[in-house]
PDB file of N, CA and C in Angstrom:
ATOM      1  N   MET A   1      77.474 -30.923  17.968  1.00  0.00           N
ATOM      2  CA  MET A   1      77.432 -29.596  18.520  1.00  0.00           C
ATOM      3  C   MET A   1      78.855 -29.059  18.601  1.00  0.00           C
ATOM      4  N   MET A   2      78.997 -27.790  18.204  1.00  0.00           N
ATOM      5  CA  MET A   2      80.311 -27.163  18.231  1.00  0.00           C
ATOM      6  C   MET A   2      80.419 -26.283  19.463  1.00  0.00           C
ATOM      7  N   TRP A   3      81.598 -26.252  20.042  1.00  0.00           N
ATOM      8  CA  TRP A   3      81.798 -25.426  21.227  1.00  0.00           C
ATOM      9  C   TRP A   3      81.778 -23.947  20.832  1.00  0.00           C
ATOM     10  N   GLY A   4      81.117 -23.111  21.650  1.00  0.00           N
ATOM     11  CA  GLY A   4      81.065 -21.683  21.379  1.00  0.00           C
ATOM     12  C   GLY A   4      79.821 -21.246  20.617  1.00  0.00           C
ATOM     13  N   TRP A   5      79.149 -22.192  19.984  1.00  0.00           N
ATOM     14  CA  TRP A   5      77.917 -21.845  19.270  1.00  0.00           C
ATOM     15  C   TRP A   5      76.725 -22.051  20.187  1.00  0.00           C
ATOM     16  N   PRO A   6      75.695 -21.204  20.072  1.00  0.00           N
ATOM     17  CA  PRO A   6      74.538 -21.371  20.967  1.00  0.00           C
ATOM     18  C   PRO A   6      73.751 -22.618  20.613  1.00  0.00           C
ATOM     19  N   ASN A   7      73.254 -23.282  21.617  1.00  0.00           N
ATOM     20  CA  ASN A   7      72.357 -24.397  21.365  1.00  0.00           C
ATOM     21  C   ASN A   7      70.926 -23.936  21.594  1.00  0.00           C
ATOM     22  N   MET A   8      69.977 -24.821  21.451  1.00  0.00           N
ATOM     23  CA  MET A   8      68.569 -24.447  21.515  1.00  0.00           C
ATOM     24  C   MET A   8      68.147 -23.952  22.900  1.00  0.00           C
ATOM     25  N   MET A   9      68.705 -24.484  23.958  1.00  0.00           N
ATOM     26  CA  MET A   9      68.232 -24.169  25.293  1.00  0.00           C
ATOM     27  C   MET A   9      69.165 -23.249  26.081  1.00  0.00           C
ATOM     28  N   GLY A  10      70.456 -23.351  25.866  1.00  0.00           N
ATOM     29  CA  GLY A  10      71.384 -22.709  26.764  1.00  0.00           C
ATOM     30  C   GLY A  10      71.943 -21.386  26.309  1.00  0.00           C
ATOM     31  N   GLY A  11      71.896 -21.070  25.041  1.00  0.00           N
ATOM     32  CA  GLY A  11      72.510 -19.847  24.574  1.00  0.00           C
ATOM     33  C   GLY A  11      74.021 -19.969  24.618  1.00  0.00           C
ATOM     34  N   PHE A  12      74.742 -18.867  24.610  1.00  0.00           N
ATOM     35  CA  PHE A  12      76.198 -18.885  24.694  1.00  0.00           C
ATOM     36  C   PHE A  12      76.641 -19.282  26.106  1.00  0.00           C
ATOM     37  N   PHE A  13      77.677 -20.027  26.173  1.00  0.00           N
ATOM     38  CA  PHE A  13      78.305 -20.411  27.433  1.00  0.00           C
ATOM     39  C   PHE A  13      77.318 -21.054  28.416  1.00  0.00           C
ATOM     40  N   GLY A  14      76.445 -21.855  27.915  1.00  0.00           N
ATOM     41  CA  GLY A  14      75.540 -22.601  28.777  1.00  0.00           C
ATOM     42  C   GLY A  14      74.398 -21.774  29.342  1.00  0.00           C
ATOM     43  N   GLY A  15      74.085 -20.636  28.758  1.00  0.00           N
ATOM     44  CA  GLY A  15      72.940 -19.846  29.194  1.00  0.00           C
ATOM     45  C   GLY A  15      73.242 -18.867  30.297  1.00  0.00           C
ATOM     46  N   GLY A  16      74.488 -18.642  30.616  1.00  0.00           N
ATOM     47  CA  GLY A  16      74.844 -17.746  31.700  1.00  0.00           C
ATOM     48  C   GLY A  16      74.548 -16.283  31.412  1.00  0.00           C
ATOM     49  N   LEU A  17      74.326 -15.900  30.163  1.00  0.00           N
ATOM     50  CA  LEU A  17      74.090 -14.494  29.825  1.00  0.00           C
ATOM     51  C   LEU A  17      72.607 -14.174  29.612  1.00  0.00           C
ATOM     52  N   GLY A  18      71.738 -15.095  29.851  1.00  0.00           N
ATOM     53  CA  GLY A  18      70.314 -14.870  29.623  1.00  0.00           C
ATOM     54  C   GLY A  18      69.720 -13.803  30.527  1.00  0.00           C
ATOM     55  N   TRP A  19      70.208 -13.688  31.725  1.00  0.00           N
ATOM     56  CA  TRP A  19      69.674 -12.697  32.668  1.00  0.00           C
ATOM     57  C   TRP A  19      70.014 -11.279  32.238  1.00  0.00           C
ATOM     58  N   ILE A  20      71.104 -11.094  31.507  1.00  0.00           N
ATOM     59  CA  ILE A  20      71.453  -9.750  31.030  1.00  0.00           C
ATOM     60  C   ILE A  20      70.394  -9.260  30.039  1.00  0.00           C
ATOM     61  N   GLY A  21      69.955 -10.158  29.188  1.00  0.00           N
ATOM     62  CA  GLY A  21      68.890  -9.798  28.243  1.00  0.00           C
ATOM     63  C   GLY A  21      67.601  -9.423  28.951  1.00  0.00           C
ATOM     64  N   MET A  22      67.289 -10.132  30.024  1.00  0.00           N
ATOM     65  CA  MET A  22      66.080  -9.801  30.777  1.00  0.00           C
ATOM     66  C   MET A  22      66.206  -8.432  31.429  1.00  0.00           C
ATOM     67  N   ILE A  23      67.389  -8.104  31.936  1.00  0.00           N
ATOM     68  CA  ILE A  23      67.586  -6.787  32.559  1.00  0.00           C
ATOM     69  C   ILE A  23      67.443  -5.681  31.527  1.00  0.00           C
ATOM     70  N   PHE A  24      68.080  -5.869  30.357  1.00  0.00           N
ATOM     71  CA  PHE A  24      67.959  -4.855  29.313  1.00  0.00           C
ATOM     72  C   PHE A  24      66.518  -4.732  28.810  1.00  0.00           C
ATOM     73  N   GLY A  25      65.814  -5.833  28.739  1.00  0.00           N
ATOM     74  CA  GLY A  25      64.408  -5.799  28.350  1.00  0.00           C
ATOM     75  C   GLY A  25      63.565  -5.025  29.356  1.00  0.00           C
ATOM     76  N   PHE A  26      63.829  -5.257  30.636  1.00  0.00           N
ATOM     77  CA  PHE A  26      63.110  -4.541  31.683  1.00  0.00           C
ATOM     78  C   PHE A  26      63.414  -3.048  31.627  1.00  0.00           C
ATOM     79  N   ILE A  27      64.694  -2.691  31.452  1.00  0.00           N
ATOM     80  CA  ILE A  27      65.078  -1.280  31.357  1.00  0.00           C
ATOM     81  C   ILE A  27      64.412  -0.630  30.149  1.00  0.00           C
ATOM     82  N   PHE A  28      64.375  -1.335  29.030  1.00  0.00           N
ATOM     83  CA  PHE A  28      63.723  -0.814  27.826  1.00  0.00           C
ATOM     84  C   PHE A  28      62.238  -0.580  28.080  1.00  0.00           C
ATOM     85  N   PHE A  29      61.575  -1.523  28.736  1.00  0.00           N
ATOM     86  CA  PHE A  29      60.148  -1.386  29.038  1.00  0.00           C
ATOM     87  C   PHE A  29      59.894  -0.187  29.955  1.00  0.00           C
ATOM     88  N   VAL A  30      60.713  -0.028  31.000  1.00  0.00           N
ATOM     89  CA  VAL A  30      60.563   1.101  31.918  1.00  0.00           C
ATOM     90  C   VAL A  30      60.792   2.420  31.184  1.00  0.00           C
ATOM     91  N   ALA A  31      61.776   2.458  30.284  1.00  0.00           N
ATOM     92  CA  ALA A  31      62.052   3.679  29.514  1.00  0.00           C
ATOM     93  C   ALA A  31      60.864   4.048  28.632  1.00  0.00           C
ATOM     94  N   ILE A  32      60.215   3.069  28.037  1.00  0.00           N
ATOM     95  CA  ILE A  32      59.041   3.343  27.204  1.00  0.00           C
ATOM     96  C   ILE A  32      57.895   3.884  28.053  1.00  0.00           C
ATOM     97  N   VAL A  33      57.655   3.286  29.209  1.00  0.00           N
ATOM     98  CA  VAL A  33      56.580   3.751  30.093  1.00  0.00           C
ATOM     99  C   VAL A  33      56.849   5.182  30.546  1.00  0.00           C
ATOM    100  N   ILE A  34      58.081   5.474  30.945  1.00  0.00           N
ATOM    101  CA  ILE A  34      58.428   6.833  31.370  1.00  0.00           C
ATOM    102  C   ILE A  34      58.263   7.811  30.208  1.00  0.00           C
ATOM    103  N   GLY A  35      58.664   7.396  29.018  1.00  0.00           N
ATOM    104  CA  GLY A  35      58.504   8.251  27.843  1.00  0.00           C
ATOM    105  C   GLY A  35      57.046   8.576  27.561  1.00  0.00           C
ATOM    106  N   VAL A  36      56.175   7.601  27.675  1.00  0.00           N
ATOM    107  CA  VAL A  36      54.746   7.837  27.448  1.00  0.00           C
ATOM    108  C   VAL A  36      54.185   8.784  28.505  1.00  0.00           C
ATOM    109  N   ILE A  37      54.578   8.601  29.749  1.00  0.00           N
ATOM    110  CA  ILE A  37      54.107   9.487  30.827  1.00  0.00           C
ATOM    111  C   ILE A  37      54.581  10.914  30.582  1.00  0.00           C
ATOM    112  N   LEU A  38      55.849  11.089  30.221  1.00  0.00           N
ATOM    113  CA  LEU A  38      56.372  12.428  29.951  1.00  0.00           C
ATOM    114  C   LEU A  38      55.672  13.075  28.755  1.00  0.00           C
ATOM    115  N   LEU A  39      55.354  12.283  27.746  1.00  0.00           N
ATOM    116  CA  LEU A  39      54.624  12.814  26.584  1.00  0.00           C
ATOM    117  C   LEU A  39      53.245  13.311  26.989  1.00  0.00           C
ATOM    118  N   ILE A  40      52.551  12.557  27.815  1.00  0.00           N
ATOM    119  CA  ILE A  40      51.220  12.970  28.271  1.00  0.00           C
ATOM    120  C   ILE A  40      51.310  14.243  29.102  1.00  0.00           C
ATOM    121  N   VAL A  41      52.282  14.318  30.005  1.00  0.00           N
ATOM    122  CA  VAL A  41      52.453  15.515  30.832  1.00  0.00           C
ATOM    123  C   VAL A  41      52.765  16.722  29.948  1.00  0.00           C
ATOM    124  N   TRP A  42      53.623  16.541  28.954  1.00  0.00           N
ATOM    125  CA  TRP A  42      53.966  17.639  28.047  1.00  0.00           C
ATOM    126  C   TRP A  42      52.743  18.096  27.265  1.00  0.00           C
ATOM    127  N   LEU A  43      51.931  17.171  26.784  1.00  0.00           N
ATOM    128  CA  LEU A  43      50.739  17.535  26.022  1.00  0.00           C
ATOM    129  C   LEU A  43      49.731  18.296  26.871  1.00  0.00           C
ATOM    130  N   VAL A  44      49.596  17.918  28.133  1.00  0.00           N
ATOM    131  CA  VAL A  44      48.633  18.576  29.010  1.00  0.00           C
ATOM    132  C   VAL A  44      49.110  19.959  29.416  1.00  0.00           C
ATOM    133  N   ARG A  45      50.398  20.117  29.644  1.00  0.00           N
ATOM    134  CA  ARG A  45      50.926  21.391  30.144  1.00  0.00           C
ATOM    135  C   ARG A  45      51.278  22.396  29.062  1.00  0.00           C
ATOM    136  N   ARG A  46      51.242  22.019  27.806  1.00  0.00           N
ATOM    137  CA  ARG A  46      51.653  22.960  26.764  1.00  0.00           C
ATOM    138  C   ARG A  46      50.653  24.109  26.662  1.00  0.00           C
ATOM    139  N   PRO A  47      51.113  25.263  26.218  1.00  0.00           N
ATOM    140  CA  PRO A  47      50.222  26.421  26.108  1.00  0.00           C
ATOM    141  C   PRO A  47      49.107  26.156  25.105  1.00  0.00           C
ATOM    142  N   GLY A  48      47.942  26.660  25.439  1.00  0.00           N
ATOM    143  CA  GLY A  48      46.806  26.518  24.535  1.00  0.00           C
ATOM    144  C   GLY A  48      45.966  25.292  24.785  1.00  0.00           C
ATOM    145  N   TYR A  49      46.351  24.449  25.743  1.00  0.00           N
ATOM    146  CA  TYR A  49      45.575  23.239  26.000  1.00  0.00           C
ATOM    147  C   TYR A  49      44.289  23.549  26.748  1.00  0.00           C
ATOM    148  N   GLY A  50      44.389  24.293  27.837  1.00  0.00           N
ATOM    149  CA  GLY A  50      43.222  24.583  28.663  1.00  0.00           C
ATOM    150  C   GLY A  50      42.711  25.986  28.413  1.00  0.00           C
ATOM    151  N   VAL A  51      41.979  26.502  29.371  1.00  0.00           N
ATOM    152  CA  VAL A  51      41.470  27.859  29.278  1.00  0.00           C
ATOM    153  C   VAL A  51      42.624  28.811  29.565  1.00  0.00           C
ATOM    154  N   THR A  52      42.881  29.679  28.633  1.00  0.00           N
ATOM    155  CA  THR A  52      43.976  30.630  28.815  1.00  0.00           C
ATOM    156  C   THR A  52      43.421  31.972  29.252  1.00  0.00           C
ATOM    157  N   ASP A  53      44.310  32.892  29.589  1.00  0.00           N
ATOM    158  CA  ASP A  53      43.895  34.229  29.990  1.00  0.00           C
ATOM    159  C   ASP A  53      43.171  34.931  28.846  1.00  0.00           C
ATOM    160  N   LYS A  54      43.596  34.688  27.624  1.00  0.00           N
ATOM    161  CA  LYS A  54      42.971  35.306  26.470  1.00  0.00           C
ATOM    162  C   LYS A  54      41.513  34.862  26.350  1.00  0.00           C
ATOM    163  N   THR A  55      41.271  33.576  26.530  1.00  0.00           N
ATOM    164  CA  THR A  55      39.905  33.060  26.469  1.00  0.00           C
ATOM    165  C   THR A  55      39.072  33.618  27.606  1.00  0.00           C
ATOM    166  N   SER A  56      39.642  33.700  28.796  1.00  0.00           N
ATOM    167  CA  SER A  56      38.935  34.233  29.951  1.00  0.00           C
ATOM    168  C   SER A  56      38.592  35.708  29.740  1.00  0.00           C
ATOM    169  N   ALA A  57      39.530  36.476  29.187  1.00  0.00           N
ATOM    170  CA  ALA A  57      39.286  37.896  28.926  1.00  0.00           C
ATOM    171  C   ALA A  57      38.190  38.065  27.875  1.00  0.00           C
ATOM    172  N   HIS A  58      38.207  37.203  26.869  1.00  0.00           N
ATOM    173  CA  HIS A  58      37.176  37.271  25.835  1.00  0.00           C
ATOM    174  C   HIS A  58      35.796  36.963  26.421  1.00  0.00           C
ATOM    175  N   SER A  59      35.736  35.987  27.304  1.00  0.00           N
ATOM    176  CA  SER A  59      34.469  35.632  27.947  1.00  0.00           C
ATOM    177  C   SER A  59      33.957  36.780  28.808  1.00  0.00           C
ATOM    178  N   LEU A  60      34.854  37.465  29.486  1.00  0.00           N
ATOM    179  CA  LEU A  60      34.465  38.599  30.320  1.00  0.00           C
ATOM    180  C   LEU A  60      33.930  39.746  29.459  1.00  0.00           C
ATOM    181  N   GLU A  61      34.518  39.958  28.297  1.00  0.00           N
ATOM    182  CA  GLU A  61      34.025  40.995  27.371  1.00  0.00           C
ATOM    183  C   GLU A  61      32.612  40.666  26.887  1.00  0.00           C
ATOM    184  N   ILE A  62      32.380  39.407  26.571  1.00  0.00           N
ATOM    185  CA  ILE A  62      31.029  38.993  26.144  1.00  0.00           C
ATOM    186  C   ILE A  62      30.036  39.214  27.275  1.00  0.00           C
ATOM    187  N   LEU A  63      30.437  38.886  28.508  1.00  0.00           N
ATOM    188  CA  LEU A  63      29.568  39.088  29.672  1.00  0.00           C
ATOM    189  C   LEU A  63      29.234  40.567  29.843  1.00  0.00           C
ATOM    190  N   LYS A  64      30.236  41.439  29.689  1.00  0.00           N
ATOM    191  CA  LYS A  64      29.999  42.880  29.810  1.00  0.00           C
ATOM    192  C   LYS A  64      29.045  43.371  28.729  1.00  0.00           C
ATOM    193  N   GLU A  65      29.189  42.865  27.516  1.00  0.00           N
ATOM    194  CA  GLU A  65      28.297  43.261  26.421  1.00  0.00           C
ATOM    195  C   GLU A  65      26.857  42.824  26.709  1.00  0.00           C
ATOM    196  N   ARG A  66      26.695  41.615  27.214  1.00  0.00           N
ATOM    197  CA  ARG A  66      25.339  41.132  27.521  1.00  0.00           C
ATOM    198  C   ARG A  66      24.702  41.956  28.632  1.00  0.00           C
ATOM    199  N   TYR A  67      25.513  42.365  29.623  1.00  0.00           N
ATOM    200  CA  TYR A  67      25.000  43.204  30.701  1.00  0.00           C
ATOM    201  C   TYR A  67      24.631  44.590  30.157  1.00  0.00           C
ATOM    202  N   ALA A  68      25.474  45.120  29.278  1.00  0.00           N
ATOM    203  CA  ALA A  68      25.206  46.442  28.703  1.00  0.00           C
ATOM    204  C   ALA A  68      23.951  46.431  27.834  1.00  0.00           C
ATOM    205  N   LYS A  69      23.668  45.318  27.165  1.00  0.00           N
ATOM    206  CA  LYS A  69      22.475  45.214  26.322  1.00  0.00           C
ATOM    207  C   LYS A  69      21.209  44.999  27.145  1.00  0.00           C
ATOM    208  N   GLY A  70      21.386  44.674  28.420  1.00  0.00           N
ATOM    209  CA  GLY A  70      20.230  44.448  29.272  1.00  0.00           C
ATOM    210  C   GLY A  70      19.769  43.004  29.298  1.00  0.00           C
ATOM    211  N   GLU A  71      20.575  42.112  28.774  1.00  0.00           N
ATOM    212  CA  GLU A  71      20.213  40.692  28.764  1.00  0.00           C
ATOM    213  C   GLU A  71      20.384  40.055  30.143  1.00  0.00           C
ATOM    214  N   LEU A  72      21.186  40.676  31.002  1.00  0.00           N
ATOM    215  CA  LEU A  72      21.450  40.136  32.332  1.00  0.00           C
ATOM    216  C   LEU A  72      21.118  41.188  33.388  1.00  0.00           C
ATOM    217  N   THR A  73      20.668  40.697  34.542  1.00  0.00           N
ATOM    218  CA  THR A  73      20.482  41.610  35.665  1.00  0.00           C
ATOM    219  C   THR A  73      21.836  41.821  36.343  1.00  0.00           C
ATOM    220  N   LYS A  74      21.880  42.810  37.250  1.00  0.00           N
ATOM    221  CA  LYS A  74      23.129  43.084  37.959  1.00  0.00           C
ATOM    222  C   LYS A  74      23.560  41.876  38.784  1.00  0.00           C
ATOM    223  N   GLU A  75      22.624  41.173  39.403  1.00  0.00           N
ATOM    224  CA  GLU A  75      22.944  39.999  40.207  1.00  0.00           C
ATOM    225  C   GLU A  75      23.518  38.884  39.339  1.00  0.00           C
ATOM    226  N   GLN A  76      22.888  38.641  38.186  1.00  0.00           N
ATOM    227  CA  GLN A  76      23.393  37.610  37.271  1.00  0.00           C
ATOM    228  C   GLN A  76      24.796  37.962  36.786  1.00  0.00           C
ATOM    229  N   TYR A  77      24.994  39.249  36.464  1.00  0.00           N
ATOM    230  CA  TYR A  77      26.301  39.704  35.992  1.00  0.00           C
ATOM    231  C   TYR A  77      27.373  39.478  37.046  1.00  0.00           C
ATOM    232  N   GLU A  78      27.096  39.827  38.289  1.00  0.00           N
ATOM    233  CA  GLU A  78      28.077  39.679  39.363  1.00  0.00           C
ATOM    234  C   GLU A  78      28.416  38.209  39.612  1.00  0.00           C
ATOM    235  N   ILE A  79      27.396  37.349  39.596  1.00  0.00           N
ATOM    236  CA  ILE A  79      27.630  35.915  39.818  1.00  0.00           C
ATOM    237  C   ILE A  79      28.502  35.340  38.700  1.00  0.00           C
ATOM    238  N   MET A  80      28.156  35.666  37.451  1.00  0.00           N
ATOM    239  CA  MET A  80      28.927  35.147  36.316  1.00  0.00           C
ATOM    240  C   MET A  80      30.340  35.724  36.283  1.00  0.00           C
ATOM    241  N   LYS A  81      30.487  36.968  36.684  1.00  0.00           N
ATOM    242  CA  LYS A  81      31.802  37.595  36.703  1.00  0.00           C
ATOM    243  C   LYS A  81      32.708  36.922  37.720  1.00  0.00           C
ATOM    244  N   LYS A  82      32.169  36.562  38.895  1.00  0.00           N
ATOM    245  CA  LYS A  82      32.952  35.853  39.906  1.00  0.00           C
ATOM    246  C   LYS A  82      33.399  34.500  39.410  1.00  0.00           C
ATOM    247  N   GLU A  83      32.558  33.830  38.625  1.00  0.00           N
ATOM    248  CA  GLU A  83      32.915  32.519  38.085  1.00  0.00           C
ATOM    249  C   GLU A  83      34.001  32.610  37.032  1.00  0.00           C
ATOM    250  N   LEU A  84      34.025  33.708  36.284  1.00  0.00           N
ATOM    251  CA  LEU A  84      35.007  33.864  35.210  1.00  0.00           C
ATOM    252  C   LEU A  84      36.354  34.375  35.690  1.00  0.00           C
ATOM    253  N   MET A  85      36.373  35.113  36.766  1.00  0.00           N
ATOM    254  CA  MET A  85      37.623  35.706  37.250  1.00  0.00           C
ATOM    255  C   MET A  85      38.494  34.607  37.877  1.00  0.00           C
ATOM    256  N   PRO A  86      39.807  34.641  37.570  1.00  0.00           N
ATOM    257  CA  PRO A  86      40.693  33.595  38.115  1.00  0.00           C
ATOM    258  C   PRO A  86      40.948  33.753  39.589  1.00  0.00           C
TER     259      PRO A  86
END
């Protein structure tokens, strides 16, 4: 065995630096978890994911057309309109 070269069990300098690798591994793992969480939050909050004002306005127009055609009673129209309004 030559001095300064890693051996099978101890690594460099008798294994004194092994804990540094564990710390960096832990930091890397935490960074990946945080990155995945931030990606999910970004995907959920981006525009166009959920019901937007445009979709809500379009739904209200369809409701008005159905009421105008006589497909809905005034009570049905009012109930559905309350559900659609933000």
